[in-house]
PDB file of N, CA and C in Angstrom:
ATOM      1  N   MET A   1      22.218  -4.257 -33.378  1.00  0.00           N
ATOM      2  CA  MET A   1      21.591  -3.303 -32.500  1.00  0.00           C
ATOM      3  C   MET A   1      20.476  -3.968 -31.720  1.00  0.00           C
ATOM      4  N   THR A   2      20.405  -3.620 -30.461  1.00  0.00           N
ATOM      5  CA  THR A   2      19.344  -4.175 -29.635  1.00  0.00           C
ATOM      6  C   THR A   2      18.341  -3.084 -29.306  1.00  0.00           C
ATOM      7  N   GLU A   3      17.127  -3.505 -29.185  1.00  0.00           N
ATOM      8  CA  GLU A   3      16.050  -2.567 -28.879  1.00  0.00           C
ATOM      9  C   GLU A   3      15.677  -2.705 -27.410  1.00  0.00           C
ATOM     10  N   GLU A   4      15.705  -1.600 -26.680  1.00  0.00           N
ATOM     11  CA  GLU A   4      15.359  -1.644 -25.267  1.00  0.00           C
ATOM     12  C   GLU A   4      13.853  -1.551 -25.100  1.00  0.00           C
ATOM     13  N   THR A   5      13.328  -2.411 -24.248  1.00  0.00           N
ATOM     14  CA  THR A   5      11.899  -2.371 -23.975  1.00  0.00           C
ATOM     15  C   THR A   5      11.692  -2.129 -22.492  1.00  0.00           C
ATOM     16  N   THR A   6      10.601  -1.473 -22.172  1.00  0.00           N
ATOM     17  CA  THR A   6      10.282  -1.244 -20.772  1.00  0.00           C
ATOM     18  C   THR A   6       9.201  -2.217 -20.366  1.00  0.00           C
ATOM     19  N   PRO A   7       9.253  -2.697 -19.131  1.00  0.00           N
ATOM     20  CA  PRO A   7       8.203  -3.608 -18.674  1.00  0.00           C
ATOM     21  C   PRO A   7       6.847  -2.911 -18.699  1.00  0.00           C
ATOM     22  N   PRO A   8       5.745  -3.652 -18.898  1.00  0.00           N
ATOM     23  CA  PRO A   8       4.431  -3.031 -18.969  1.00  0.00           C
ATOM     24  C   PRO A   8       4.062  -2.265 -17.705  1.00  0.00           C
ATOM     25  N   GLU A   9       4.563  -2.723 -16.534  1.00  0.00           N
ATOM     26  CA  GLU A   9       4.239  -2.024 -15.297  1.00  0.00           C
ATOM     27  C   GLU A   9       4.835  -0.623 -15.295  1.00  0.00           C
ATOM     28  N   ALA A  10       6.068  -0.503 -15.787  1.00  0.00           N
ATOM     29  CA  ALA A  10       6.738   0.792 -15.769  1.00  0.00           C
ATOM     30  C   ALA A  10       6.070   1.765 -16.722  1.00  0.00           C
ATOM     31  N   SER A  11       5.688   1.303 -17.908  1.00  0.00           N
ATOM     32  CA  SER A  11       5.064   2.204 -18.866  1.00  0.00           C
ATOM     33  C   SER A  11       3.672   2.607 -18.410  1.00  0.00           C
ATOM     34  N   ALA A  12       2.927   1.700 -17.790  1.00  0.00           N
ATOM     35  CA  ALA A  12       1.588   2.035 -17.310  1.00  0.00           C
ATOM     36  C   ALA A  12       1.669   3.025 -16.164  1.00  0.00           C
ATOM     37  N   ALA A  13       2.693   2.880 -15.317  1.00  0.00           N
ATOM     38  CA  ALA A  13       2.820   3.775 -14.176  1.00  0.00           C
ATOM     39  C   ALA A  13       3.187   5.184 -14.623  1.00  0.00           C
ATOM     40  N   SER A  14       3.971   5.303 -15.694  1.00  0.00           N
ATOM     41  CA  SER A  14       4.396   6.626 -16.117  1.00  0.00           C
ATOM     42  C   SER A  14       3.311   7.346 -16.918  1.00  0.00           C
ATOM     43  N   THR A  15       2.413   6.622 -17.564  1.00  0.00           N
ATOM     44  CA  THR A  15       1.397   7.274 -18.378  1.00  0.00           C
ATOM     45  C   THR A  15       0.015   7.265 -17.737  1.00  0.00           C
ATOM     46  N   GLY A  16      -0.225   6.339 -16.821  1.00  0.00           N
ATOM     47  CA  GLY A  16      -1.538   6.196 -16.208  1.00  0.00           C
ATOM     48  C   GLY A  16      -1.752   7.181 -15.073  1.00  0.00           C
ATOM     49  N   PRO A  17      -2.872   7.031 -14.370  1.00  0.00           N
ATOM     50  CA  PRO A  17      -3.154   7.911 -13.244  1.00  0.00           C
ATOM     51  C   PRO A  17      -2.163   7.699 -12.108  1.00  0.00           C
ATOM     52  N   ASP A  18      -2.093   8.658 -11.235  1.00  0.00           N
ATOM     53  CA  ASP A  18      -1.164   8.634 -10.115  1.00  0.00           C
ATOM     54  C   ASP A  18      -1.725   7.745  -9.010  1.00  0.00           C
ATOM     55  N   LEU A  19      -1.344   6.456  -9.026  1.00  0.00           N
ATOM     56  CA  LEU A  19      -1.869   5.473  -8.083  1.00  0.00           C
ATOM     57  C   LEU A  19      -0.775   4.977  -7.153  1.00  0.00           C
ATOM     58  N   PRO A  20      -1.132   4.642  -5.918  1.00  0.00           N
ATOM     59  CA  PRO A  20      -0.144   4.047  -5.010  1.00  0.00           C
ATOM     60  C   PRO A  20       0.241   2.641  -5.466  1.00  0.00           C
ATOM     61  N   PRO A  21       1.342   2.095  -4.937  1.00  0.00           N
ATOM     62  CA  PRO A  21       1.771   0.759  -5.347  1.00  0.00           C
ATOM     63  C   PRO A  21       0.794  -0.322  -4.884  1.00  0.00           C
ATOM     64  N   ASP A  22       0.902  -1.495  -5.509  1.00  0.00           N
ATOM     65  CA  ASP A  22       0.040  -2.626  -5.167  1.00  0.00           C
ATOM     66  C   ASP A  22       0.268  -3.083  -3.733  1.00  0.00           C
ATOM     67  N   ARG A  23       1.503  -2.982  -3.265  1.00  0.00           N
ATOM     68  CA  ARG A  23       1.828  -3.423  -1.907  1.00  0.00           C
ATOM     69  C   ARG A  23       2.758  -2.407  -1.270  1.00  0.00           C
ATOM     70  N   LEU A  24       2.468  -2.049  -0.014  1.00  0.00           N
ATOM     71  CA  LEU A  24       3.255  -1.042   0.685  1.00  0.00           C
ATOM     72  C   LEU A  24       3.228  -1.341   2.179  1.00  0.00           C
ATOM     73  N   ALA A  25       4.363  -1.106   2.853  1.00  0.00           N
ATOM     74  CA  ALA A  25       4.473  -1.341   4.294  1.00  0.00           C
ATOM     75  C   ALA A  25       5.061  -0.111   4.971  1.00  0.00           C
ATOM     76  N   ILE A  26       4.711   0.098   6.246  1.00  0.00           N
ATOM     77  CA  ILE A  26       5.253   1.245   6.979  1.00  0.00           C
ATOM     78  C   ILE A  26       6.488   0.869   7.795  1.00  0.00           C
ATOM     79  N   ASN A  27       6.805  -0.407   7.890  1.00  0.00           N
ATOM     80  CA  ASN A  27       7.968  -0.868   8.644  1.00  0.00           C
ATOM     81  C   ASN A  27       9.223  -0.736   7.775  1.00  0.00           C
ATOM     82  N   PRO A  28      10.229   0.046   8.223  1.00  0.00           N
ATOM     83  CA  PRO A  28      11.443   0.227   7.417  1.00  0.00           C
ATOM     84  C   PRO A  28      12.210  -1.066   7.157  1.00  0.00           C
ATOM     85  N   ARG A  29      11.982  -2.114   7.928  1.00  0.00           N
ATOM     86  CA  ARG A  29      12.663  -3.397   7.722  1.00  0.00           C
ATOM     87  C   ARG A  29      12.065  -4.190   6.558  1.00  0.00           C
ATOM     88  N   SER A  30      10.878  -3.817   6.112  1.00  0.00           N
ATOM     89  CA  SER A  30      10.192  -4.557   5.058  1.00  0.00           C
ATOM     90  C   SER A  30      10.755  -4.201   3.687  1.00  0.00           C
ATOM     91  N   GLU A  31      10.739  -5.168   2.790  1.00  0.00           N
ATOM     92  CA  GLU A  31      11.170  -4.899   1.422  1.00  0.00           C
ATOM     93  C   GLU A  31      10.159  -4.046   0.664  1.00  0.00           C
ATOM     94  N   TYR A  32       8.951  -3.907   1.188  1.00  0.00           N
ATOM     95  CA  TYR A  32       7.900  -3.111   0.548  1.00  0.00           C
ATOM     96  C   TYR A  32       7.795  -1.706   1.135  1.00  0.00           C
ATOM     97  N   PHE A  33       8.746  -1.302   1.942  1.00  0.00           N
ATOM     98  CA  PHE A  33       8.785   0.033   2.533  1.00  0.00           C
ATOM     99  C   PHE A  33       9.270   1.031   1.489  1.00  0.00           C
ATOM    100  N   ASP A  34       8.586   2.180   1.374  1.00  0.00           N
ATOM    101  CA  ASP A  34       8.997   3.249   0.462  1.00  0.00           C
ATOM    102  C   ASP A  34       8.652   4.579   1.126  1.00  0.00           C
ATOM    103  N   ALA A  35       9.668   5.247   1.673  1.00  0.00           N
ATOM    104  CA  ALA A  35       9.457   6.473   2.439  1.00  0.00           C
ATOM    105  C   ALA A  35       8.845   7.584   1.587  1.00  0.00           C
ATOM    106  N   ASP A  36       9.259   7.696   0.325  1.00  0.00           N
ATOM    107  CA  ASP A  36       8.737   8.762  -0.531  1.00  0.00           C
ATOM    108  C   ASP A  36       7.231   8.638  -0.736  1.00  0.00           C
ATOM    109  N   LYS A  37       6.776   7.415  -0.970  1.00  0.00           N
ATOM    110  CA  LYS A  37       5.338   7.206  -1.175  1.00  0.00           C
ATOM    111  C   LYS A  37       4.556   7.402   0.125  1.00  0.00           C
ATOM    112  N   LEU A  38       5.136   7.005   1.245  1.00  0.00           N
ATOM    113  CA  LEU A  38       4.465   7.171   2.535  1.00  0.00           C
ATOM    114  C   LEU A  38       4.357   8.641   2.928  1.00  0.00           C
ATOM    115  N   GLN A  39       5.347   9.471   2.561  1.00  0.00           N
ATOM    116  CA  GLN A  39       5.298  10.891   2.885  1.00  0.00           C
ATOM    117  C   GLN A  39       4.138  11.590   2.179  1.00  0.00           C
ATOM    118  N   ARG A  40       3.747  11.079   1.040  1.00  0.00           N
ATOM    119  CA  ARG A  40       2.614  11.665   0.316  1.00  0.00           C
ATOM    120  C   ARG A  40       1.304  11.407   1.038  1.00  0.00           C
ATOM    121  N   GLY A  41       1.266  10.365   1.848  1.00  0.00           N
ATOM    122  CA  GLY A  41       0.053   9.991   2.551  1.00  0.00           C
ATOM    123  C   GLY A  41      -0.777   9.048   1.703  1.00  0.00           C
ATOM    124  N   VAL A  42      -0.968   7.843   2.176  1.00  0.00           N
ATOM    125  CA  VAL A  42      -1.744   6.835   1.451  1.00  0.00           C
ATOM    126  C   VAL A  42      -2.995   6.530   2.268  1.00  0.00           C
ATOM    127  N   GLY A  43      -4.148   6.742   1.655  1.00  0.00           N
ATOM    128  CA  GLY A  43      -5.411   6.400   2.306  1.00  0.00           C
ATOM    129  C   GLY A  43      -5.782   4.966   1.976  1.00  0.00           C
ATOM    130  N   ILE A  44      -6.330   4.250   2.948  1.00  0.00           N
ATOM    131  CA  ILE A  44      -6.709   2.847   2.759  1.00  0.00           C
ATOM    132  C   ILE A  44      -8.179   2.673   3.134  1.00  0.00           C
ATOM    133  N   ARG A  45      -8.915   2.043   2.238  1.00  0.00           N
ATOM    134  CA  ARG A  45     -10.293   1.658   2.527  1.00  0.00           C
ATOM    135  C   ARG A  45     -10.341   0.134   2.482  1.00  0.00           C
ATOM    136  N   PHE A  46     -10.737  -0.478   3.610  1.00  0.00           N
ATOM    137  CA  PHE A  46     -10.795  -1.933   3.713  1.00  0.00           C
ATOM    138  C   PHE A  46     -12.226  -2.328   4.032  1.00  0.00           C
ATOM    139  N   LYS A  47     -12.823  -3.128   3.180  1.00  0.00           N
ATOM    140  CA  LYS A  47     -14.222  -3.555   3.312  1.00  0.00           C
ATOM    141  C   LYS A  47     -15.160  -2.356   3.439  1.00  0.00           C
ATOM    142  N   GLY A  48     -14.867  -1.302   2.678  1.00  0.00           N
ATOM    143  CA  GLY A  48     -15.731  -0.135   2.650  1.00  0.00           C
ATOM    144  C   GLY A  48     -15.525   0.859   3.773  1.00  0.00           C
ATOM    145  N   VAL A  49     -14.574   0.607   4.678  1.00  0.00           N
ATOM    146  CA  VAL A  49     -14.324   1.492   5.817  1.00  0.00           C
ATOM    147  C   VAL A  49     -12.905   2.045   5.710  1.00  0.00           C
ATOM    148  N   VAL A  50     -12.748   3.360   5.853  1.00  0.00           N
ATOM    149  CA  VAL A  50     -11.425   3.972   5.825  1.00  0.00           C
ATOM    150  C   VAL A  50     -10.686   3.593   7.104  1.00  0.00           C
ATOM    151  N   ARG A  51      -9.485   3.020   6.940  1.00  0.00           N
ATOM    152  CA  ARG A  51      -8.693   2.552   8.085  1.00  0.00           C
ATOM    153  C   ARG A  51      -7.447   3.425   8.222  1.00  0.00           C
ATOM    154  N   THR A  52      -7.074   3.734   9.454  1.00  0.00           N
ATOM    155  CA  THR A  52      -5.869   4.521   9.706  1.00  0.00           C
ATOM    156  C   THR A  52      -4.804   3.730  10.456  1.00  0.00           C
ATOM    157  N   ASN A  53      -5.074   2.468  10.762  1.00  0.00           N
ATOM    158  CA  ASN A  53      -4.131   1.660  11.542  1.00  0.00           C
ATOM    159  C   ASN A  53      -3.498   0.532  10.740  1.00  0.00           C
ATOM    160  N   VAL A  54      -3.389   0.681   9.442  1.00  0.00           N
ATOM    161  CA  VAL A  54      -2.848  -0.374   8.573  1.00  0.00           C
ATOM    162  C   VAL A  54      -1.320  -0.319   8.583  1.00  0.00           C
ATOM    163  N   GLU A  55      -0.689  -1.444   8.872  1.00  0.00           N
ATOM    164  CA  GLU A  55       0.765  -1.564   8.869  1.00  0.00           C
ATOM    165  C   GLU A  55       1.292  -1.907   7.461  1.00  0.00           C
ATOM    166  N   GLU A  56       0.537  -2.715   6.734  1.00  0.00           N
ATOM    167  CA  GLU A  56       0.929  -3.153   5.393  1.00  0.00           C
ATOM    168  C   GLU A  56      -0.330  -3.553   4.647  1.00  0.00           C
ATOM    169  N   TYR A  57      -0.326  -3.387   3.320  1.00  0.00           N
ATOM    170  CA  TYR A  57      -1.474  -3.802   2.527  1.00  0.00           C
ATOM    171  C   TYR A  57      -1.020  -4.394   1.199  1.00  0.00           C
ATOM    172  N   CYS A  58      -1.897  -5.179   0.593  1.00  0.00           N
ATOM    173  CA  CYS A  58      -1.681  -5.704  -0.751  1.00  0.00           C
ATOM    174  C   CYS A  58      -3.030  -5.688  -1.468  1.00  0.00           C
ATOM    175  N   ILE A  59      -3.137  -4.889  -2.504  1.00  0.00           N
ATOM    176  CA  ILE A  59      -4.403  -4.737  -3.219  1.00  0.00           C
ATOM    177  C   ILE A  59      -4.737  -5.985  -4.026  1.00  0.00           C
ATOM    178  N   SER A  60      -3.759  -6.507  -4.776  1.00  0.00           N
ATOM    179  CA  SER A  60      -4.036  -7.637  -5.670  1.00  0.00           C
ATOM    180  C   SER A  60      -4.398  -8.915  -4.901  1.00  0.00           C
ATOM    181  N   GLU A  61      -3.808  -9.120  -3.728  1.00  0.00           N
ATOM    182  CA  GLU A  61      -4.106 -10.315  -2.934  1.00  0.00           C
ATOM    183  C   GLU A  61      -5.270 -10.085  -1.979  1.00  0.00           C
ATOM    184  N   GLY A  62      -5.686  -8.828  -1.785  1.00  0.00           N
ATOM    185  CA  GLY A  62      -6.853  -8.505  -0.978  1.00  0.00           C
ATOM    186  C   GLY A  62      -6.668  -8.720   0.518  1.00  0.00           C
ATOM    187  N   TRP A  63      -5.637  -8.086   1.118  1.00  0.00           N
ATOM    188  CA  TRP A  63      -5.435  -8.193   2.553  1.00  0.00           C
ATOM    189  C   TRP A  63      -4.753  -6.952   3.100  1.00  0.00           C
ATOM    190  N   VAL A  64      -4.915  -6.757   4.405  1.00  0.00           N
ATOM    191  CA  VAL A  64      -4.196  -5.723   5.151  1.00  0.00           C
ATOM    192  C   VAL A  64      -3.641  -6.357   6.417  1.00  0.00           C
ATOM    193  N   ARG A  65      -2.570  -5.776   6.945  1.00  0.00           N
ATOM    194  CA  ARG A  65      -2.025  -6.182   8.242  1.00  0.00           C
ATOM    195  C   ARG A  65      -2.233  -5.023   9.202  1.00  0.00           C
ATOM    196  N   VAL A  66      -2.824  -5.342  10.359  1.00  0.00           N
ATOM    197  CA  VAL A  66      -3.034  -4.342  11.401  1.00  0.00           C
ATOM    198  C   VAL A  66      -2.416  -4.841  12.697  1.00  0.00           C
ATOM    199  N   GLN A  67      -2.060  -3.902  13.559  1.00  0.00           N
ATOM    200  CA  GLN A  67      -1.444  -4.258  14.828  1.00  0.00           C
ATOM    201  C   GLN A  67      -2.458  -4.934  15.733  1.00  0.00           C
ATOM    202  N   ALA A  68      -2.016  -5.985  16.412  1.00  0.00           N
ATOM    203  CA  ALA A  68      -2.878  -6.753  17.323  1.00  0.00           C
ATOM    204  C   ALA A  68      -2.733  -6.193  18.733  1.00  0.00           C
ATOM    205  N   GLY A  69      -3.446  -5.131  19.025  1.00  0.00           N
ATOM    206  CA  GLY A  69      -3.365  -4.514  20.342  1.00  0.00           C
ATOM    207  C   GLY A  69      -1.997  -3.915  20.596  1.00  0.00           C
ATOM    208  N   LYS A  70      -1.525  -4.012  21.829  1.00  0.00           N
ATOM    209  CA  LYS A  70      -0.208  -3.469  22.179  1.00  0.00           C
ATOM    210  C   LYS A  70       0.823  -4.575  22.333  1.00  0.00           C
ATOM    211  N   THR A  71       0.522  -5.760  21.857  1.00  0.00           N
ATOM    212  CA  THR A  71       1.397  -6.914  21.989  1.00  0.00           C
ATOM    213  C   THR A  71       2.623  -6.768  21.100  1.00  0.00           C
ATOM    214  N   MET A  72       3.788  -7.106  21.651  1.00  0.00           N
ATOM    215  CA  MET A  72       5.049  -7.046  20.910  1.00  0.00           C
ATOM    216  C   MET A  72       5.655  -8.440  20.817  1.00  0.00           C
ATOM    217  N   ASP A  73       6.444  -8.656  19.759  1.00  0.00           N
ATOM    218  CA  ASP A  73       7.155  -9.927  19.654  1.00  0.00           C
ATOM    219  C   ASP A  73       8.462  -9.829  20.438  1.00  0.00           C
ATOM    220  N   ARG A  74       9.273 -10.861  20.396  1.00  0.00           N
ATOM    221  CA  ARG A  74      10.499 -10.880  21.210  1.00  0.00           C
ATOM    222  C   ARG A  74      11.562  -9.911  20.707  1.00  0.00           C
ATOM    223  N   LYS A  75      11.387  -9.375  19.501  1.00  0.00           N
ATOM    224  CA  LYS A  75      12.327  -8.382  18.970  1.00  0.00           C
ATOM    225  C   LYS A  75      11.831  -6.958  19.168  1.00  0.00           C
ATOM    226  N   GLY A  76      10.688  -6.805  19.832  1.00  0.00           N
ATOM    227  CA  GLY A  76      10.151  -5.476  20.099  1.00  0.00           C
ATOM    228  C   GLY A  76       9.285  -4.911  18.992  1.00  0.00           C
ATOM    229  N   GLN A  77       8.985  -5.724  17.993  1.00  0.00           N
ATOM    230  CA  GLN A  77       8.122  -5.284  16.895  1.00  0.00           C
ATOM    231  C   GLN A  77       6.674  -5.614  17.237  1.00  0.00           C
ATOM    232  N   PRO A  78       5.732  -4.780  16.797  1.00  0.00           N
ATOM    233  CA  PRO A  78       4.322  -5.078  17.102  1.00  0.00           C
ATOM    234  C   PRO A  78       3.839  -6.331  16.372  1.00  0.00           C
ATOM    235  N   LEU A  79       3.050  -7.136  17.070  1.00  0.00           N
ATOM    236  CA  LEU A  79       2.436  -8.292  16.432  1.00  0.00           C
ATOM    237  C   LEU A  79       1.310  -7.794  15.537  1.00  0.00           C
ATOM    238  N   THR A  80       1.187  -8.386  14.354  1.00  0.00           N
ATOM    239  CA  THR A  80       0.147  -7.974  13.423  1.00  0.00           C
ATOM    240  C   THR A  80      -0.718  -9.160  13.047  1.00  0.00           C
ATOM    241  N   ILE A  81      -1.938  -8.863  12.635  1.00  0.00           N
ATOM    242  CA  ILE A  81      -2.826  -9.895  12.113  1.00  0.00           C
ATOM    243  C   ILE A  81      -3.202  -9.514  10.694  1.00  0.00           C
ATOM    244  N   LYS A  82      -3.404 -10.531   9.892  1.00  0.00           N
ATOM    245  CA  LYS A  82      -3.730 -10.344   8.484  1.00  0.00           C
ATOM    246  C   LYS A  82      -5.237 -10.499   8.304  1.00  0.00           C
ATOM    247  N   LEU A  83      -5.866  -9.463   7.752  1.00  0.00           N
ATOM    248  CA  LEU A  83      -7.304  -9.480   7.500  1.00  0.00           C
ATOM    249  C   LEU A  83      -7.538  -9.528   5.993  1.00  0.00           C
ATOM    250  N   ASN A  84      -8.413 -10.420   5.547  1.00  0.00           N
ATOM    251  CA  ASN A  84      -8.701 -10.569   4.127  1.00  0.00           C
ATOM    252  C   ASN A  84      -9.979  -9.848   3.749  1.00  0.00           C
ATOM    253  N   GLY A  85      -9.964  -9.238   2.565  1.00  0.00           N
ATOM    254  CA  GLY A  85     -11.128  -8.532   2.055  1.00  0.00           C
ATOM    255  C   GLY A  85     -10.704  -7.540   0.981  1.00  0.00           C
ATOM    256  N   PRO A  86     -11.666  -6.841   0.384  1.00  0.00           N
ATOM    257  CA  PRO A  86     -11.336  -5.876  -0.677  1.00  0.00           C
ATOM    258  C   PRO A  86     -10.588  -4.668  -0.105  1.00  0.00           C
ATOM    259  N   VAL A  87      -9.501  -4.285  -0.794  1.00  0.00           N
ATOM    260  CA  VAL A  87      -8.648  -3.175  -0.368  1.00  0.00           C
ATOM    261  C   VAL A  87      -8.613  -2.123  -1.468  1.00  0.00           C
ATOM    262  N   GLU A  88      -8.742  -0.853  -1.091  1.00  0.00           N
ATOM    263  CA  GLU A  88      -8.606   0.264  -2.019  1.00  0.00           C
ATOM    264  C   GLU A  88      -7.585   1.228  -1.429  1.00  0.00           C
ATOM    265  N   ALA A  89      -6.750   1.839  -2.294  1.00  0.00           N
ATOM    266  CA  ALA A  89      -5.725   2.775  -1.825  1.00  0.00           C
ATOM    267  C   ALA A  89      -5.682   3.991  -2.740  1.00  0.00           C
ATOM    268  N   TRP A  90      -5.326   5.137  -2.166  1.00  0.00           N
ATOM    269  CA  TRP A  90      -5.192   6.376  -2.924  1.00  0.00           C
ATOM    270  C   TRP A  90      -4.198   7.273  -2.208  1.00  0.00           C
ATOM    271  N   TYR A  91      -3.658   8.247  -2.966  1.00  0.00           N
ATOM    272  CA  TYR A  91      -2.767   9.241  -2.365  1.00  0.00           C
ATOM    273  C   TYR A  91      -3.609  10.368  -1.800  1.00  0.00           C
ATOM    274  N   GLU A  92      -3.410  10.671  -0.532  1.00  0.00           N
ATOM    275  CA  GLU A  92      -4.195  11.695   0.135  1.00  0.00           C
ATOM    276  C   GLU A  92      -3.815  13.106  -0.296  1.00  0.00           C
ATOM    277  N   ASP A  93      -2.597  13.297  -0.827  1.00  0.00           N
ATOM    278  CA  ASP A  93      -2.183  14.639  -1.229  1.00  0.00           C
ATOM    279  C   ASP A  93      -2.854  15.100  -2.524  1.00  0.00           C
ATOM    280  N   LEU A  94      -3.594  14.220  -3.190  1.00  0.00           N
ATOM    281  CA  LEU A  94      -4.284  14.596  -4.431  1.00  0.00           C
ATOM    282  C   LEU A  94      -5.675  15.155  -4.176  1.00  0.00           C
ATOM    283  N   GLY A  95      -6.141  15.105  -2.932  1.00  0.00           N
ATOM    284  CA  GLY A  95      -7.425  15.694  -2.594  1.00  0.00           C
ATOM    285  C   GLY A  95      -8.586  14.722  -2.778  1.00  0.00           C
ATOM    286  N   GLU A  96      -9.785  15.293  -2.860  1.00  0.00           N
ATOM    287  CA  GLU A  96     -11.032  14.517  -2.909  1.00  0.00           C
ATOM    288  C   GLU A  96     -11.160  13.626  -4.140  1.00  0.00           C
ATOM    289  N   GLY A  97     -10.812  14.117  -5.301  1.00  0.00           N
ATOM    290  CA  GLY A  97     -11.012  13.358  -6.534  1.00  0.00           C
ATOM    291  C   GLY A  97      -9.834  12.485  -6.933  1.00  0.00           C
ATOM    292  N   ALA A  98      -9.067  12.019  -5.975  1.00  0.00           N
ATOM    293  CA  ALA A  98      -7.879  11.221  -6.261  1.00  0.00           C
ATOM    294  C   ALA A  98      -8.270   9.878  -6.879  1.00  0.00           C
ATOM    295  N   PRO A  99      -7.499   9.399  -7.885  1.00  0.00           N
ATOM    296  CA  PRO A  99      -7.775   8.082  -8.438  1.00  0.00           C
ATOM    297  C   PRO A  99      -7.510   6.987  -7.398  1.00  0.00           C
ATOM    298  N   VAL A 100      -8.355   5.967  -7.389  1.00  0.00           N
ATOM    299  CA  VAL A 100      -8.289   4.906  -6.388  1.00  0.00           C
ATOM    300  C   VAL A 100      -7.798   3.622  -7.033  1.00  0.00           C
ATOM    301  N   ALA A 101      -6.793   2.989  -6.421  1.00  0.00           N
ATOM    302  CA  ALA A 101      -6.279   1.694  -6.892  1.00  0.00           C
ATOM    303  C   ALA A 101      -7.067   0.607  -6.174  1.00  0.00           C
ATOM    304  N   LYS A 102      -7.690  -0.280  -6.940  1.00  0.00           N
ATOM    305  CA  LYS A 102      -8.412  -1.411  -6.354  1.00  0.00           C
ATOM    306  C   LYS A 102      -8.338  -2.591  -7.297  1.00  0.00           C
ATOM    307  N   ALA A 103      -8.561  -3.776  -6.735  1.00  0.00           N
ATOM    308  CA  ALA A 103      -8.472  -5.014  -7.532  1.00  0.00           C
ATOM    309  C   ALA A 103      -9.743  -5.267  -8.300  1.00  0.00           C
TER     310      ALA A 103
END
């Protein structure tokens, strides 16, 4: 008989507070895109300022990607720049006292 074990990330996510993922993108072409999580609304605070123009973020690595003006690449996708600094994320549908994911 074999014993099934769950990875620590899965067990922590099911029992811990309702936190957004470590990395999330709004571009459907990205492997980090998740429509269900985006529909809930994810708030991002970068360097202490709430940002509404974040294309992608990573909490553990401490960066966000934002659009660089109205410039597009040759495939019609917006050009983005990567900004480094402390990142915090939370689900906006939980209201004011929502738990915040930060590194």
